[in-house]
Amino acid sequence: MNFPIIDVSKQSIAQFTRESSKAQAMRSVAWYRVVRPALVLCMWVLAAVYFRWCLANASPEELSLDAFMPGITGIAAVAAAMIIWTFGRQMDAMNTNRARRMPVSDDVSYDATREIAVGNAGRCLVAYHDDDGTISHVVSMPEFERQAA
């Protein structure tokens, strides 16, 4: 499967069956919908149990505010960087004068590009790049397969 995990986990059994046998499809659905989320949940529970054990067995010096300050400072620095990054991205998105990352080419209209992006093709798109590395045009996977054949 050549799709990102977040896309694969949303697929139905019928979509998995198109690419593999029924047994393999059932195993894939079980892994992405049951086993993998259960493993993640177990890891969080084990981390919480370990953290509680560490706090229960810590000495008074280890539980002082001075012992926690380096960790608190690090967490605060990461949180501040994420907040500044979020505000910067929102301000950049509101800027109407900035150049768009996906220019519409002459042979593919804006409406056709939008139809490909949100239509039946879903997330299966092929992007063509020019020599400068910018996207020249985008086609759906069925169109790409017709062109390649």
C-alpha atoms as a PDB file:
ATOM      1  CA  MET A   1       0.000   0.000   0.000  1.00  0.00           C
ATOM      2  CA  ASN A   2       1.481   3.299  -1.077  1.00  0.00           C
ATOM      3  CA  PHE A   3      -0.816   5.610   0.889  1.00  0.00           C
ATOM      4  CA  PRO A   4       0.016   7.545   4.084  1.00  0.00           C
ATOM      5  CA  ILE A   5      -1.057   5.711   7.242  1.00  0.00           C
ATOM      6  CA  ILE A   6      -3.712   8.287   8.103  1.00  0.00           C
ATOM      7  CA  ASP A   7      -5.394   7.638   4.730  1.00  0.00           C
ATOM      8  CA  VAL A   8      -5.084   3.865   5.022  1.00  0.00           C
ATOM      9  CA  SER A   9      -6.715   3.784   8.447  1.00  0.00           C
ATOM     10  CA  LYS A  10      -9.838   5.424   7.005  1.00  0.00           C
ATOM     11  CA  GLN A  11     -10.263   2.900   4.174  1.00  0.00           C
ATOM     12  CA  SER A  12     -13.117   0.416   4.227  1.00  0.00           C
ATOM     13  CA  ILE A  13     -12.762  -3.357   3.895  1.00  0.00           C
ATOM     14  CA  ALA A  14     -13.945  -3.086   0.280  1.00  0.00           C
ATOM     15  CA  GLN A  15     -11.127  -0.649  -0.529  1.00  0.00           C
ATOM     16  CA  PHE A  16      -8.560  -2.993   1.016  1.00  0.00           C
ATOM     17  CA  THR A  17     -10.063  -5.938  -0.881  1.00  0.00           C
ATOM     18  CA  ARG A  18      -9.457  -4.197  -4.227  1.00  0.00           C
ATOM     19  CA  GLU A  19      -5.705  -4.259  -3.578  1.00  0.00           C
ATOM     20  CA  SER A  20      -5.339  -7.612  -1.816  1.00  0.00           C
ATOM     21  CA  SER A  21      -7.153 -10.795  -0.826  1.00  0.00           C
ATOM     22  CA  LYS A  22     -10.088 -10.801   1.606  1.00  0.00           C
ATOM     23  CA  ALA A  23      -7.929 -12.315   4.383  1.00  0.00           C
ATOM     24  CA  GLN A  24      -5.201  -9.707   3.895  1.00  0.00           C
ATOM     25  CA  ALA A  25      -7.861  -6.973   3.828  1.00  0.00           C
ATOM     26  CA  MET A  26      -9.313  -8.184   7.139  1.00  0.00           C
ATOM     27  CA  ARG A  27      -5.816  -8.280   8.699  1.00  0.00           C
ATOM     28  CA  SER A  28      -5.114  -4.752   7.472  1.00  0.00           C
ATOM     29  CA  VAL A  29      -8.388  -3.412   8.847  1.00  0.00           C
ATOM     30  CA  ALA A  30      -7.787  -5.196  12.175  1.00  0.00           C
ATOM     31  CA  TRP A  31      -4.274  -3.738  12.378  1.00  0.00           C
ATOM     32  CA  TYR A  32      -5.176  -0.144  11.460  1.00  0.00           C
ATOM     33  CA  ARG A  33      -8.474   0.057  13.375  1.00  0.00           C
ATOM     34  CA  VAL A  34      -7.961  -2.165  16.446  1.00  0.00           C
ATOM     35  CA  VAL A  35      -4.428  -3.398  17.156  1.00  0.00           C
ATOM     36  CA  ARG A  36      -2.455  -0.241  16.383  1.00  0.00           C
ATOM     37  CA  PRO A  37      -4.761   2.092  18.382  1.00  0.00           C
ATOM     38  CA  ALA A  38      -4.729  -0.423  21.261  1.00  0.00           C
ATOM     39  CA  LEU A  39      -0.909  -0.457  21.238  1.00  0.00           C
ATOM     40  CA  VAL A  40      -0.788   3.343  21.329  1.00  0.00           C
ATOM     41  CA  LEU A  41      -3.288   3.434  24.207  1.00  0.00           C
ATOM     42  CA  CYS A  42      -1.280   0.806  26.118  1.00  0.00           C
ATOM     43  CA  MET A  43       1.906   2.825  25.683  1.00  0.00           C
ATOM     44  CA  TRP A  44       0.208   5.924  27.140  1.00  0.00           C
ATOM     45  CA  VAL A  45      -1.167   3.899  30.072  1.00  0.00           C
ATOM     46  CA  LEU A  46       2.263   2.374  30.760  1.00  0.00           C
ATOM     47  CA  ALA A  47       3.853   5.836  30.639  1.00  0.00           C
ATOM     48  CA  ALA A  48       1.275   7.146  33.139  1.00  0.00           C
ATOM     49  CA  VAL A  49       1.852   4.161  35.467  1.00  0.00           C
ATOM     50  CA  TYR A  50       5.627   4.659  35.274  1.00  0.00           C
ATOM     51  CA  PHE A  51       5.278   8.399  35.949  1.00  0.00           C
ATOM     52  CA  ARG A  52       3.065   7.703  38.967  1.00  0.00           C
ATOM     53  CA  TRP A  53       5.575   5.141  40.285  1.00  0.00           C
ATOM     54  CA  CYS A  54       8.426   7.646  39.881  1.00  0.00           C
ATOM     55  CA  LEU A  55       6.501  10.287  41.839  1.00  0.00           C
ATOM     56  CA  ALA A  56       5.500   7.815  44.562  1.00  0.00           C
ATOM     57  CA  ASN A  57       9.111   6.685  45.107  1.00  0.00           C
ATOM     58  CA  ALA A  58      10.801  10.092  44.821  1.00  0.00           C
ATOM     59  CA  SER A  59      12.536  11.778  47.734  1.00  0.00           C
ATOM     60  CA  PRO A  60      11.454  15.257  48.919  1.00  0.00           C
ATOM     61  CA  GLU A  61      14.500  16.820  47.198  1.00  0.00           C
ATOM     62  CA  GLU A  62      13.496  15.249  43.875  1.00  0.00           C
ATOM     63  CA  LEU A  63       9.971  16.638  44.187  1.00  0.00           C
ATOM     64  CA  SER A  64      11.061  20.229  44.814  1.00  0.00           C
ATOM     65  CA  LEU A  65      10.338  22.982  42.317  1.00  0.00           C
ATOM     66  CA  ASP A  66      14.061  23.397  41.623  1.00  0.00           C
ATOM     67  CA  ALA A  67      14.231  19.816  40.347  1.00  0.00           C
ATOM     68  CA  PHE A  68      11.346  20.400  37.929  1.00  0.00           C
ATOM     69  CA  MET A  69      12.446  23.829  36.598  1.00  0.00           C
ATOM     70  CA  PRO A  70      14.662  22.593  33.712  1.00  0.00           C
ATOM     71  CA  GLY A  71      11.838  20.391  32.415  1.00  0.00           C
ATOM     72  CA  ILE A  72       9.216  23.110  32.856  1.00  0.00           C
ATOM     73  CA  THR A  73      11.460  25.617  31.062  1.00  0.00           C
ATOM     74  CA  GLY A  74      11.989  23.231  28.144  1.00  0.00           C
ATOM     75  CA  ILE A  75       8.274  22.501  27.805  1.00  0.00           C
ATOM     76  CA  ALA A  76       7.460  26.226  27.972  1.00  0.00           C
ATOM     77  CA  ALA A  77      10.034  26.983  25.235  1.00  0.00           C
ATOM     78  CA  VAL A  78       8.570  24.337  22.912  1.00  0.00           C
ATOM     79  CA  ALA A  79       5.008  25.540  23.607  1.00  0.00           C
ATOM     80  CA  ALA A  80       5.990  29.162  22.906  1.00  0.00           C
ATOM     81  CA  ALA A  81       7.675  28.157  19.629  1.00  0.00           C
ATOM     82  CA  MET A  82       4.558  26.238  18.547  1.00  0.00           C
ATOM     83  CA  ILE A  83       2.283  29.188  19.397  1.00  0.00           C
ATOM     84  CA  ILE A  84       4.482  31.647  17.492  1.00  0.00           C
ATOM     85  CA  TRP A  85       4.634  29.240  14.529  1.00  0.00           C
ATOM     86  CA  THR A  86       0.825  28.905  14.520  1.00  0.00           C
ATOM     87  CA  PHE A  87       0.280  32.670  14.557  1.00  0.00           C
ATOM     88  CA  GLY A  88       2.874  33.104  11.812  1.00  0.00           C
ATOM     89  CA  ARG A  89       1.164  30.504   9.604  1.00  0.00           C
ATOM     90  CA  GLN A  90      -2.237  32.140  10.134  1.00  0.00           C
ATOM     91  CA  MET A  91      -0.874  35.570   9.254  1.00  0.00           C
ATOM     92  CA  ASP A  92       0.795  34.111   6.159  1.00  0.00           C
ATOM     93  CA  ALA A  93      -2.467  32.445   5.107  1.00  0.00           C
ATOM     94  CA  MET A  94      -4.342  35.755   5.460  1.00  0.00           C
ATOM     95  CA  ASN A  95      -1.824  37.555   3.226  1.00  0.00           C
ATOM     96  CA  THR A  96      -3.590  37.818  -0.142  1.00  0.00           C
ATOM     97  CA  ASN A  97      -0.541  39.200  -1.966  1.00  0.00           C
ATOM     98  CA  ARG A  98       1.672  36.168  -1.507  1.00  0.00           C
ATOM     99  CA  ALA A  99       2.393  33.882  -4.429  1.00  0.00           C
ATOM    100  CA  ARG A 100       0.332  30.725  -4.538  1.00  0.00           C
ATOM    101  CA  ARG A 101       2.235  27.468  -4.259  1.00  0.00           C
ATOM    102  CA  MET A 102       0.277  25.710  -7.003  1.00  0.00           C
ATOM    103  CA  PRO A 103      -0.041  27.920 -10.060  1.00  0.00           C
ATOM    104  CA  VAL A 104      -2.841  27.066 -12.451  1.00  0.00           C
ATOM    105  CA  SER A 105      -1.401  26.176 -15.849  1.00  0.00           C
ATOM    106  CA  ASP A 106      -2.890  27.283 -19.152  1.00  0.00           C
ATOM    107  CA  ASP A 107      -3.991  23.789 -20.206  1.00  0.00           C
ATOM    108  CA  VAL A 108      -5.700  22.935 -16.881  1.00  0.00           C
ATOM    109  CA  SER A 109      -8.303  25.369 -15.547  1.00  0.00           C
ATOM    110  CA  TYR A 110      -8.772  26.215 -11.872  1.00  0.00           C
ATOM    111  CA  ASP A 111     -12.167  24.490 -11.836  1.00  0.00           C
ATOM    112  CA  ALA A 112     -10.705  21.302 -13.291  1.00  0.00           C
ATOM    113  CA  THR A 113      -7.912  21.318 -10.713  1.00  0.00           C
ATOM    114  CA  ARG A 114     -10.437  21.793  -7.903  1.00  0.00           C
ATOM    115  CA  GLU A 115     -12.667  19.036  -9.304  1.00  0.00           C
ATOM    116  CA  ILE A 116      -9.707  16.662  -9.358  1.00  0.00           C
ATOM    117  CA  ALA A 117      -8.715  17.576  -5.797  1.00  0.00           C
ATOM    118  CA  VAL A 118     -12.166  17.146  -4.233  1.00  0.00           C
ATOM    119  CA  GLY A 119     -13.888  14.822  -6.701  1.00  0.00           C
ATOM    120  CA  ASN A 120     -13.933  11.076  -6.994  1.00  0.00           C
ATOM    121  CA  ALA A 121     -10.175  10.858  -7.277  1.00  0.00           C
ATOM    122  CA  GLY A 122      -9.907  11.926  -3.621  1.00  0.00           C
ATOM    123  CA  ARG A 123      -6.313  12.131  -2.525  1.00  0.00           C
ATOM    124  CA  CYS A 124      -4.840  10.144  -5.414  1.00  0.00           C
ATOM    125  CA  LEU A 125      -3.167  12.923  -7.416  1.00  0.00           C
ATOM    126  CA  VAL A 126      -0.021  13.185  -9.523  1.00  0.00           C
ATOM    127  CA  ALA A 127       1.810  16.520  -9.570  1.00  0.00           C
ATOM    128  CA  TYR A 128       4.037  17.550 -12.470  1.00  0.00           C
ATOM    129  CA  HIS A 129       6.984  19.848 -11.706  1.00  0.00           C
ATOM    130  CA  ASP A 130       8.858  22.253 -13.956  1.00  0.00           C
ATOM    131  CA  ASP A 131      12.624  22.774 -13.983  1.00  0.00           C
ATOM    132  CA  ASP A 132      12.417  25.285 -11.120  1.00  0.00           C
ATOM    133  CA  GLY A 133      10.687  22.753  -8.865  1.00  0.00           C
ATOM    134  CA  THR A 134       7.267  24.406  -8.775  1.00  0.00           C
ATOM    135  CA  ILE A 135       4.135  22.456  -9.593  1.00  0.00           C
ATOM    136  CA  SER A 136       3.108  22.991 -13.202  1.00  0.00           C
ATOM    137  CA  HIS A 137      -0.124  20.991 -13.135  1.00  0.00           C
ATOM    138  CA  VAL A 138      -1.930  18.231 -11.243  1.00  0.00           C
ATOM    139  CA  VAL A 139      -3.853  15.263 -12.636  1.00  0.00           C
ATOM    140  CA  SER A 140      -5.869  12.533 -10.985  1.00  0.00           C
ATOM    141  CA  MET A 141      -4.499   9.019 -10.729  1.00  0.00           C
ATOM    142  CA  PRO A 142      -6.907   7.619 -13.389  1.00  0.00           C
ATOM    143  CA  GLU A 143      -5.838  10.373 -15.831  1.00  0.00           C
ATOM    144  CA  PHE A 144      -2.174   9.641 -15.107  1.00  0.00           C
ATOM    145  CA  GLU A 145      -2.705   5.924 -15.746  1.00  0.00           C
ATOM    146  CA  ARG A 146      -4.449   6.704 -19.065  1.00  0.00           C
ATOM    147  CA  GLN A 147      -1.555   8.958 -20.107  1.00  0.00           C
ATOM    148  CA  ALA A 148       1.046   6.354 -19.104  1.00  0.00           C
ATOM    149  CA  ALA A 149      -0.691   3.573 -21.064  1.00  0.00           C
END
